[in-house]
Each structure stands twice: as C-alpha cells, then as structure tokens.
Amino acid sequence: MFSVLSYGRLVARAVLGGLSQTDPRAGGGGGGDYGLVTAGCGFGKDFRKGLLKKGVCYGDDACFVARHRSADVLGVADGVGGWRDYGVDPSQFSGTLMRTCERLVKEGRFIPSNPVGILTTSYCELLQNKIPLLGSSTACIVVLDRTSHRLHTANLGDSGFLVVRGGEVVHRSDEQQHYFNTPFQLSIAPPEAEGVVLSDSPDAADSTSFDVQLGDIILTATDGLFDNMPDYMILQELKKLKNSNYESIQQTARSIAEQAHELAYDPNYMSPFAQFACDNGLNVRGGKPDDITVLLSIVAEYTD
C-alpha cells in the first residue's frame, strides 16, 4: 500500500519553527553547511500494482532524493495516465526521468543554482535514447545549496512544494496549467503524434530561489496530495512534527499521505480539486483518486 523512503546522515540541531540556540546567527542561518533530513511516503492509486520498481515509484508517480557534496537535491514527477489508453506505461517516463536526474546529481553534473538545468539535461537524455521512451510527466526539482543556504526550485506542471516556517507557509510553487486538469508537462510522442501531444520545454518551468533557515520544513509532492488536502490540513499534520529525527519525519510524511489517500475516496468531501472544478463550471464533488507522493524535509546542520 505505502512505502517509506528516508535519507540523510545529519546532525539536526534545528528546533522546529525557529533556529536552534547553537546557531551563531540570529537571522537566516549559521556559518556551517546546511542539509536536508528527508523522509517520503506514497500510495499508488491501484493498490494491486503498488510495486516499488527500480527507483521509487508510487503508481505513475516517481521521486528521488540525492546527495552531492555541494547540495541536497530531490524531485517528484507524475506520469500522465492518458498514455495507458495507447498501450504505454506512464510510470516508465516519470520513473526514468527521476532516475536520470538522480544520476546526474550523484555524478556532479549540475549547478545547484540551476535546477532547470537538471531537468533539461535529463529530458535531453530521454530524447536521445536508442529505444524510444514514450510518455509525459510533470516534474518538480528542489535543490538546497549547502554553503549559501539557498533553496533553488524548478516546477513544471501541478506537482509542487511548500516551505513552512513557524507554522505558516512562507514559500510555495505556482501551479502551471494549460487549462483545467491539463498541466504543463514534458513529453515524448511518436513521430505521427508530434505537434498533437502537449509538450512543454523544461525552460517553461517556474523557477525560484530564496534563503532558508534551520528548522524550515519543505514538503514536496505530486498533485495527488494538493488536489485532496488544502494548506490548513497539511499544516495541522505538520504540527505533529515535534523534532527532526528520521522517525518523526517518516511518521508525519506517512500521516499526510494516508490522510490524502483517505480523502481521495470520500465522495462527500469538497476537495481542492472539486472546488477548482466548480470554479471552472463543472459540478464536481468528492476527492480525486490519484497516485500520491510526499517528500518531507527539514533543513538541518550538515555533517558528512
């Protein structure tokens, strides 16, 4: 049903909601390097398929968490399910995209301040595969530059991230939609369908850069979370995160994913997705059954 991903060897002195007393600065950060303590959880929409393939996949969603000496990098992607109607497994595209991003990071073939570059290089590699890989996917990449204490992000489509500080959302990604329920997406189509299938450039991704502080919470997820849980519900769950050890982060990530999954199948719940549909003139109620991927991170002091 679900699986948990944990990552990072960090000494986390951060006090949630603020800076630790060991931090020599009263502002955005201390003199040492920063890192992310990250745990993840997810559900595939079709439980019978809920297999963890190579890499980490929940249904047609995929994700990765990678470490390099200069940065911690993570990403999520949501394969477009409509390809299944043409005999194409949507998880192959999203999974391969995320595995390629992960490999580039581990090989040091990236610049922390340019997460769009990670997407661009990965997408180009997919385009150059000798064996054609068909499909489409949204993508969100988050990079923490250890030394500068800055977070650099690139979001294409309707996956995304939140940064929470002191119980409030202080940064969030912008959703990109061509029209209702049709997000921006990277695509590879057969020659006969080129120009017909929606395909956006990695350069179209919304990019942001900003400083982070010790104790900041970063939640990165696919639309299966955001379509079923509004911010206030997510913030309520994050209040349960009492410290920055792995077990607490894992438990909270699991709690968020489980609640989103339950709400997705509630026919009487007025979900964010249903509200958005109503705003677009559709009479919709209930949750939105979907694959759900949640990566939950805390900014902490880094030790190699």
Protein backbone atom coordinates (compact mmCIF):
# COMPACT_ATOMS: atom_id res chain seq x y z
CA MET A 1 0.00 0.00 0.00
CA PHE A 2 2.58 2.51 1.04
CA SER A 3 6.29 2.71 1.34
CA VAL A 4 8.61 4.97 3.26
CA LEU A 5 11.82 6.50 1.97
CA SER A 6 14.34 8.03 4.35
CA TYR A 7 17.57 9.78 3.52
CA GLY A 8 20.42 11.68 5.06
CA ARG A 9 23.03 11.48 7.81
CA LEU A 10 22.69 14.81 9.54
CA VAL A 11 23.13 16.26 12.97
CA ALA A 12 19.85 18.08 13.26
CA ARG A 13 20.12 20.73 15.94
CA ALA A 14 17.31 22.71 14.43
CA VAL A 15 14.32 23.45 16.62
CA LEU A 16 11.18 23.26 14.52
CA GLY A 17 9.67 26.64 13.86
CA GLY A 18 12.88 28.54 14.60
CA LEU A 19 16.63 28.46 14.95
CA SER A 20 18.50 26.37 17.46
CA GLN A 21 20.34 28.01 20.33
CA THR A 22 23.56 26.56 18.94
CA ASP A 23 23.19 28.64 15.78
CA PRO A 24 25.60 31.60 16.00
CA ARG A 25 23.38 33.90 13.95
CA ALA A 26 20.01 35.30 14.86
CA GLY A 27 18.97 35.55 11.23
CA GLY A 28 18.69 33.18 8.30
CA GLY A 29 21.46 30.76 9.15
CA GLY A 30 24.72 29.91 10.83
CA GLY A 31 28.20 29.66 9.47
CA GLY A 32 28.14 25.92 8.76
CA ASP A 33 26.73 23.99 5.84
CA TYR A 34 23.07 23.02 5.68
CA GLY A 35 21.50 19.76 4.60
CA LEU A 36 18.07 18.15 4.36
CA VAL A 37 16.72 15.35 6.52
CA THR A 38 14.14 13.79 4.21
CA ALA A 39 11.55 11.04 4.51
CA GLY A 40 8.94 10.08 1.96
CA CYS A 41 5.73 8.13 1.67
CA GLY A 42 3.33 7.39 -1.13
CA PHE A 43 0.38 5.41 -2.41
CA GLY A 44 -0.30 4.07 -5.87
CA LYS A 45 -3.89 4.63 -6.95
CA ASP A 46 -4.12 0.98 -7.94
CA PHE A 47 -3.03 -0.99 -4.86
CA ARG A 48 -2.69 -4.20 -6.82
CA LYS A 49 0.05 -2.57 -8.81
CA GLY A 50 1.70 -0.95 -5.79
CA LEU A 51 5.15 -2.20 -6.65
CA LEU A 52 8.35 -0.35 -5.93
CA LYS A 53 10.15 -0.53 -9.24
CA LYS A 54 13.76 0.44 -9.75
CA GLY A 55 13.99 3.81 -8.07
CA VAL A 56 10.96 4.92 -6.09
CA CYS A 57 7.57 4.85 -7.81
CA TYR A 58 4.07 5.03 -6.42
CA GLY A 59 1.80 4.10 -9.28
CA ASP A 60 2.65 6.51 -12.11
CA ASP A 61 4.41 8.90 -9.71
CA ALA A 62 8.17 8.78 -9.20
CA CYS A 63 10.63 10.54 -6.93
CA PHE A 64 14.27 10.69 -5.92
CA VAL A 65 16.48 12.05 -3.15
CA ALA A 66 20.17 12.54 -3.94
CA ARG A 67 23.18 13.95 -2.17
CA HIS A 68 26.24 15.70 -3.55
CA ARG A 69 28.98 17.49 -1.63
CA SER A 70 27.60 20.84 -2.81
CA ALA A 71 23.86 20.25 -2.41
CA ASP A 72 20.96 18.04 -1.46
CA VAL A 73 18.54 17.52 -4.35
CA LEU A 74 15.12 15.93 -4.52
CA GLY A 75 12.39 15.66 -7.07
CA VAL A 76 8.92 14.32 -7.81
CA ALA A 77 7.24 13.55 -11.13
CA ASP A 78 3.73 12.48 -12.12
CA GLY A 79 3.36 10.38 -15.26
CA VAL A 80 0.35 11.34 -17.39
CA GLY A 81 -2.10 8.45 -17.13
CA GLY A 82 -3.74 9.05 -20.50
CA TRP A 83 -0.88 7.24 -22.23
CA ARG A 84 -2.24 3.96 -20.88
CA ASP A 85 -5.03 4.20 -23.47
CA TYR A 86 -2.33 3.82 -26.15
CA GLY A 87 -0.62 0.85 -24.55
CA VAL A 88 2.11 2.91 -22.89
CA ASP A 89 3.01 2.50 -19.19
CA PRO A 90 3.00 6.11 -17.85
CA SER A 91 5.31 5.22 -14.97
CA GLN A 92 8.17 4.44 -17.35
CA PHE A 93 8.56 8.06 -18.40
CA SER A 94 8.31 9.62 -14.92
CA GLY A 95 10.48 6.91 -13.37
CA THR A 96 13.20 7.19 -16.00
CA LEU A 97 13.16 10.98 -15.75
CA MET A 98 13.67 10.90 -11.98
CA ARG A 99 16.36 8.20 -12.13
CA THR A 100 18.23 10.26 -14.72
CA CYS A 101 18.01 13.38 -12.55
CA GLU A 102 19.31 11.38 -9.58
CA ARG A 103 22.27 10.04 -11.56
CA LEU A 104 23.22 13.49 -12.84
CA VAL A 105 23.28 14.82 -9.28
CA LYS A 106 25.37 11.96 -7.96
CA GLU A 107 27.83 12.45 -10.84
CA GLY A 108 28.05 16.16 -10.05
CA ARG A 109 26.73 17.15 -13.47
CA PHE A 110 24.64 20.05 -12.25
CA ILE A 111 24.82 23.58 -10.86
CA PRO A 112 22.90 23.99 -7.56
CA SER A 113 21.51 27.36 -8.58
CA ASN A 114 20.08 25.94 -11.83
CA PRO A 115 17.56 23.14 -11.18
CA VAL A 116 16.03 23.76 -14.61
CA GLY A 117 19.37 22.58 -15.98
CA ILE A 118 18.90 19.23 -14.23
CA LEU A 119 15.51 18.83 -15.90
CA THR A 120 16.82 19.96 -19.28
CA THR A 121 19.79 17.57 -19.32
CA SER A 122 17.66 14.66 -18.12
CA TYR A 123 14.95 15.32 -20.68
CA CYS A 124 17.54 15.57 -23.47
CA GLU A 125 18.95 12.20 -22.44
CA LEU A 126 15.47 10.69 -22.70
CA LEU A 127 15.05 12.19 -26.15
CA GLN A 128 18.33 10.61 -27.24
CA ASN A 129 17.53 7.10 -26.01
CA LYS A 130 18.12 4.49 -28.71
CA ILE A 131 14.96 2.72 -27.58
CA PRO A 132 12.07 5.19 -27.84
CA LEU A 133 10.54 6.08 -24.49
CA LEU A 134 7.05 7.48 -24.96
CA GLY A 135 5.09 9.36 -22.34
CA SER A 136 4.61 12.61 -20.47
CA SER A 137 5.24 13.84 -16.96
CA THR A 138 5.11 16.85 -14.70
CA ALA A 139 8.23 17.49 -12.60
CA CYS A 140 9.38 19.44 -9.57
CA ILE A 141 13.06 19.73 -8.56
CA VAL A 142 14.24 21.22 -5.24
CA VAL A 143 17.92 21.95 -4.55
CA LEU A 144 19.43 23.07 -1.24
CA ASP A 145 22.82 24.72 -1.75
CA ARG A 146 24.75 23.73 1.37
CA THR A 147 27.06 26.73 1.61
CA SER A 148 24.80 29.60 0.53
CA HIS A 149 21.79 28.26 2.49
CA ARG A 150 19.59 28.98 -0.51
CA LEU A 151 16.85 26.80 -1.94
CA HIS A 152 16.59 26.69 -5.73
CA THR A 153 13.47 25.19 -7.31
CA ALA A 154 12.01 24.36 -10.71
CA ASN A 155 8.40 23.31 -11.11
CA LEU A 156 6.74 22.26 -14.35
CA GLY A 157 3.04 21.44 -14.05
CA ASP A 158 0.93 20.75 -10.99
CA SER A 159 3.30 18.93 -8.67
CA GLY A 160 4.98 21.35 -6.30
CA PHE A 161 6.35 22.29 -2.89
CA LEU A 162 5.62 24.26 0.26
CA VAL A 163 8.11 25.82 2.68
CA VAL A 164 6.73 26.12 6.22
CA ARG A 165 8.28 28.26 8.97
CA GLY A 166 6.72 28.95 12.34
CA GLY A 167 3.56 27.10 11.34
CA GLU A 168 2.97 29.26 8.25
CA VAL A 169 3.57 28.76 4.55
CA VAL A 170 6.33 31.22 3.59
CA HIS A 171 7.04 29.96 0.06
CA ARG A 172 5.14 27.80 -2.40
CA SER A 173 5.34 26.78 -6.03
CA ASP A 174 2.97 28.12 -8.66
CA GLU A 175 0.81 25.57 -10.45
CA GLN A 176 1.08 25.61 -14.24
CA GLN A 177 -1.99 24.58 -16.24
CA HIS A 178 -2.80 24.94 -19.94
CA TYR A 179 -6.45 24.61 -18.95
CA PHE A 180 -8.42 22.77 -16.29
CA ASN A 181 -6.77 19.49 -15.26
CA THR A 182 -4.18 19.78 -18.05
CA PRO A 183 -0.82 20.67 -16.51
CA PHE A 184 2.38 21.68 -18.22
CA GLN A 185 4.38 18.53 -18.97
CA LEU A 186 7.49 17.14 -20.57
CA SER A 187 6.55 14.73 -23.37
CA ILE A 188 7.98 12.36 -25.93
CA ALA A 189 5.46 11.39 -28.61
CA PRO A 190 5.71 9.07 -31.62
CA PRO A 191 6.53 10.92 -34.86
CA GLU A 192 2.96 10.72 -36.09
CA ALA A 193 1.69 12.44 -32.92
CA GLU A 194 4.27 15.23 -32.69
CA GLY A 195 2.53 18.58 -32.63
CA VAL A 196 -0.65 16.94 -31.34
CA VAL A 197 0.53 15.80 -27.91
CA LEU A 198 1.08 18.59 -25.40
CA SER A 199 4.80 19.10 -24.86
CA ASP A 200 6.39 21.90 -22.88
CA SER A 201 10.04 22.87 -22.71
CA PRO A 202 11.93 22.41 -19.42
CA ASP A 203 12.66 26.14 -19.72
CA ALA A 204 8.95 26.77 -19.15
CA ALA A 205 9.33 25.58 -15.55
CA ASP A 206 8.64 28.15 -12.86
CA SER A 207 11.95 28.85 -11.08
CA THR A 208 12.52 30.40 -7.65
CA SER A 209 15.48 30.97 -5.32
CA PHE A 210 15.35 32.07 -1.69
CA ASP A 211 17.14 31.73 1.65
CA VAL A 212 16.11 29.04 4.13
CA GLN A 213 16.63 28.76 7.87
CA LEU A 214 17.43 25.90 10.18
CA GLY A 215 14.18 24.17 11.09
CA ASP A 216 12.33 25.13 7.90
CA ILE A 217 10.02 22.36 6.70
CA ILE A 218 9.92 21.63 2.97
CA LEU A 219 7.08 19.49 1.62
CA THR A 220 7.43 18.37 -2.00
CA ALA A 221 4.60 16.37 -3.53
CA THR A 222 2.64 15.40 -6.61
CA ASP A 223 -0.86 16.72 -7.27
CA GLY A 224 -2.39 13.68 -5.58
CA LEU A 225 -1.64 15.45 -2.31
CA PHE A 226 -2.53 19.03 -3.22
CA ASP A 227 -5.75 18.03 -5.03
CA ASN A 228 -7.01 16.35 -1.86
CA MET A 229 -5.59 18.35 1.06
CA PRO A 230 -5.79 22.13 1.43
CA ASP A 231 -2.98 24.00 3.15
CA TYR A 232 -4.69 24.19 6.53
CA MET A 233 -4.98 20.39 6.74
CA ILE A 234 -1.33 19.96 5.76
CA LEU A 235 -0.28 22.49 8.40
CA GLN A 236 -2.32 20.63 11.02
CA GLU A 237 -0.43 17.44 10.23
CA LEU A 238 2.91 19.24 10.30
CA LYS A 239 2.21 20.38 13.85
CA LYS A 240 2.69 16.73 14.84
CA LEU A 241 6.32 17.01 13.75
CA LYS A 242 7.94 17.56 17.14
CA ASN A 243 11.60 17.10 16.24
CA SER A 244 13.83 16.50 13.26
CA ASN A 245 14.80 12.87 13.73
CA TYR A 246 14.08 10.42 10.94
CA GLU A 247 11.36 8.55 12.78
CA SER A 248 9.32 11.69 13.45
CA ILE A 249 9.64 12.89 9.84
CA GLN A 250 8.71 9.45 8.49
CA GLN A 251 5.69 9.23 10.75
CA THR A 252 4.46 12.67 9.68
CA ALA A 253 5.04 12.01 5.98
CA ARG A 254 3.08 8.79 6.32
CA SER A 255 0.26 10.52 8.20
CA ILE A 256 -0.05 13.18 5.48
CA ALA A 257 -0.06 10.62 2.65
CA GLU A 258 -2.58 8.40 4.44
CA GLN A 259 -4.98 11.27 5.09
CA ALA A 260 -4.77 12.46 1.49
CA HIS A 261 -5.42 8.91 0.31
CA GLU A 262 -8.49 8.56 2.52
CA LEU A 263 -9.91 11.90 1.41
CA ALA A 264 -9.33 10.98 -2.25
CA TYR A 265 -12.01 8.29 -1.96
CA ASP A 266 -14.53 10.30 0.08
CA PRO A 267 -17.45 11.07 -2.28
CA ASN A 268 -18.90 13.75 0.00
CA TYR A 269 -15.71 15.70 0.65
CA MET A 270 -15.31 19.07 -1.07
CA SER A 271 -11.68 18.64 -2.10
CA PRO A 272 -9.46 21.39 -3.52
CA PHE A 273 -9.75 19.60 -6.87
CA ALA A 274 -13.57 19.62 -6.69
CA GLN A 275 -13.55 23.29 -5.75
CA PHE A 276 -11.28 24.08 -8.70
CA ALA A 277 -13.61 22.09 -10.97
CA CYS A 278 -16.61 24.07 -9.72
CA ASP A 279 -14.71 27.29 -10.36
CA ASN A 280 -14.39 26.08 -13.97
CA GLY A 281 -18.12 25.47 -14.34
CA LEU A 282 -18.16 21.74 -13.55
CA ASN A 283 -20.49 20.17 -10.99
CA VAL A 284 -17.99 18.01 -9.10
CA ARG A 285 -17.81 16.83 -5.52
CA GLY A 286 -15.57 14.40 -3.66
CA GLY A 287 -11.90 13.66 -3.53
CA LYS A 288 -9.72 12.88 -6.53
CA PRO A 289 -8.40 9.29 -6.59
CA ASP A 290 -4.80 9.56 -7.71
CA ASP A 291 -1.26 8.40 -7.03
CA ILE A 292 0.20 10.29 -4.09
CA THR A 293 3.88 11.02 -3.41
CA VAL A 294 5.07 13.05 -0.42
CA LEU A 295 8.67 14.02 0.37
CA LEU A 296 9.01 15.76 3.73
CA SER A 297 12.29 17.52 4.56
CA ILE A 298 13.72 19.59 7.39
CA VAL A 299 16.64 21.97 7.00
CA ALA A 300 19.37 20.99 9.47
CA GLU A 301 23.07 21.38 10.10
CA TYR A 302 25.05 19.15 7.78
CA THR A 303 27.73 16.68 8.75
CA ASP A 304 29.40 14.44 6.19
